[in-house]
């Protein structure tokens, strides 16, 4: 996977932020959490990630996400020379560490969603009252 000049510049200026973006991206989070359980073949992983809310991940987007996470040293791609070809994806030790952190954050959001929704309602109501007053 080639990195564009613009991507290379961003990587050089703030490499940790770029990794954070990869780990916390829409599909990166779900891929990492799924791979905590076990290695997956591509199509299995696509179905598993697709179970999490709304539209599933496209083949192209999953491929890009896996390549990015592999480049960052978080995902291992094991291509077996058999017919038909078999490719398994699993977490590296570094990837497992990141996935556990992301899973904790995901669990926190699930546990605290009621409080977040309450805060959102209060915020929206206050804004509406303020806009009516002006």
Protein backbone atom coordinates (compact mmCIF):
# COMPACT_ATOMS: atom_id res chain seq x y z
CA UNK A 1 0.00 0.00 0.00
CA UNK A 2 1.55 3.27 -1.09
CA UNK A 3 1.28 6.33 1.08
CA UNK A 4 0.59 9.60 -0.73
CA UNK A 5 2.90 12.58 -0.22
CA UNK A 6 0.13 14.32 1.72
CA UNK A 7 -0.35 11.20 3.89
CA UNK A 8 3.40 10.91 4.44
CA UNK A 9 3.56 14.58 5.48
CA UNK A 10 0.72 14.12 7.98
CA UNK A 11 2.37 10.97 9.29
CA UNK A 12 5.69 12.75 9.78
CA UNK A 13 4.09 15.72 11.56
CA UNK A 14 1.86 13.82 13.95
CA UNK A 15 2.36 10.04 13.77
CA UNK A 16 0.57 9.20 17.02
CA UNK A 17 -2.55 11.10 15.96
CA UNK A 18 -2.66 9.16 12.70
CA UNK A 19 -2.49 5.84 14.55
CA UNK A 20 -5.22 7.05 16.90
CA UNK A 21 -7.37 7.86 13.87
CA UNK A 22 -6.80 4.36 12.48
CA UNK A 23 -7.63 2.62 15.76
CA UNK A 24 -10.71 4.75 16.45
CA UNK A 25 -12.07 4.92 12.91
CA UNK A 26 -15.60 3.72 12.28
CA UNK A 27 -14.48 0.31 11.01
CA UNK A 28 -11.14 0.10 12.82
CA UNK A 29 -12.86 -0.05 16.21
CA UNK A 30 -15.19 -2.83 15.11
CA UNK A 31 -12.47 -4.85 13.38
CA UNK A 32 -10.22 -4.69 16.43
CA UNK A 33 -13.01 -5.69 18.82
CA UNK A 34 -14.09 -8.61 16.62
CA UNK A 35 -10.54 -9.90 16.23
CA UNK A 36 -10.16 -10.03 20.03
CA UNK A 37 -12.33 -13.16 20.01
CA UNK A 38 -10.49 -15.14 17.34
CA UNK A 39 -8.89 -14.98 13.88
CA UNK A 40 -11.30 -14.45 11.00
CA UNK A 41 -11.34 -15.03 7.29
CA UNK A 42 -12.21 -11.91 5.28
CA UNK A 43 -15.86 -12.76 4.53
CA UNK A 44 -16.49 -13.92 8.12
CA UNK A 45 -15.03 -10.69 9.46
CA UNK A 46 -17.13 -8.64 7.06
CA UNK A 47 -20.31 -10.34 8.28
CA UNK A 48 -19.30 -10.02 11.95
CA UNK A 49 -18.50 -6.31 11.64
CA UNK A 50 -21.73 -5.74 9.69
CA UNK A 51 -23.79 -6.90 12.67
CA UNK A 52 -22.91 -3.69 14.53
CA UNK A 53 -25.54 -1.21 13.57
CA UNK A 54 -26.76 0.02 10.27
CA UNK A 55 -25.11 -0.52 6.95
CA UNK A 56 -22.43 -3.17 6.65
CA UNK A 57 -18.87 -2.46 5.66
CA UNK A 58 -18.02 -2.63 1.95
CA UNK A 59 -15.32 -5.00 0.74
CA UNK A 60 -13.21 -2.02 -0.31
CA UNK A 61 -13.50 -0.29 3.06
CA UNK A 62 -12.76 -3.47 5.01
CA UNK A 63 -9.74 -4.14 2.79
CA UNK A 64 -8.44 -0.60 3.36
CA UNK A 65 -9.04 -0.84 7.11
CA UNK A 66 -7.25 -4.17 7.38
CA UNK A 67 -4.30 -2.93 5.30
CA UNK A 68 -4.00 0.19 7.44
CA UNK A 69 -4.12 -1.80 10.68
CA UNK A 70 -1.65 -4.31 9.25
CA UNK A 71 0.74 -1.50 8.28
CA UNK A 72 0.49 -0.10 11.82
CA UNK A 73 1.46 -3.53 13.19
CA UNK A 74 -1.92 -4.24 14.79
CA UNK A 75 -3.27 -6.93 12.45
CA UNK A 76 -1.52 -9.99 11.05
CA UNK A 77 -2.52 -11.27 7.60
CA UNK A 78 -1.82 -14.97 7.10
CA UNK A 79 -2.18 -16.03 3.46
CA UNK A 80 -2.05 -19.81 3.08
CA UNK A 81 -0.92 -21.17 -0.32
CA UNK A 82 -3.85 -23.52 -0.85
CA UNK A 83 -6.57 -23.80 -3.46
CA UNK A 84 -8.83 -21.97 -3.01
CA UNK A 85 -6.64 -19.35 -1.33
CA UNK A 86 -7.21 -18.90 2.39
CA UNK A 87 -6.39 -15.68 4.23
CA UNK A 88 -6.85 -15.31 7.96
CA UNK A 89 -6.65 -12.09 9.95
CA UNK A 90 -5.66 -11.95 13.60
CA UNK A 91 -4.34 -9.45 16.10
CA UNK A 92 -0.67 -9.00 16.86
CA UNK A 93 0.36 -8.49 20.48
CA UNK A 94 0.30 -4.73 19.83
CA UNK A 95 -3.12 -5.05 18.20
CA UNK A 96 -4.50 -7.01 21.15
CA UNK A 97 -3.36 -4.23 23.47
CA UNK A 98 -5.07 -1.58 21.33
CA UNK A 99 -8.21 -3.69 20.91
CA UNK A 100 -8.59 -4.14 24.66
CA UNK A 101 -8.40 -0.36 25.14
CA UNK A 102 -10.93 0.27 22.38
CA UNK A 103 -13.25 -2.40 23.77
CA UNK A 104 -13.15 -0.70 27.19
CA UNK A 105 -14.13 2.60 25.60
CA UNK A 106 -16.92 0.91 23.61
CA UNK A 107 -18.19 -0.74 26.80
CA UNK A 108 -18.12 2.60 28.62
CA UNK A 109 -20.25 4.20 25.88
CA UNK A 110 -22.74 1.34 26.10
CA UNK A 111 -22.89 1.56 29.91
CA UNK A 112 -23.29 5.35 29.93
CA UNK A 113 -25.62 5.81 26.95
CA UNK A 114 -28.60 6.63 29.18
CA UNK A 115 -26.67 9.49 30.78
CA UNK A 116 -25.51 10.75 27.38
CA UNK A 117 -29.06 10.73 26.03
CA UNK A 118 -30.29 12.62 29.11
CA UNK A 119 -27.55 15.24 28.66
CA UNK A 120 -28.42 15.59 24.97
CA UNK A 121 -32.10 16.17 25.73
CA UNK A 122 -31.24 18.78 28.35
CA UNK A 123 -28.87 20.53 25.95
CA UNK A 124 -31.40 20.51 23.09
CA UNK A 125 -34.18 21.81 25.34
CA UNK A 126 -31.99 24.61 26.67
CA UNK A 127 -30.96 25.64 23.16
CA UNK A 128 -34.55 25.62 21.98
CA UNK A 129 -35.63 27.80 24.93
CA UNK A 130 -32.75 30.16 24.27
CA UNK A 131 -33.58 30.44 20.54
CA UNK A 132 -37.26 31.13 21.36
CA UNK A 133 -36.23 33.90 23.75
CA UNK A 134 -34.09 35.67 21.15
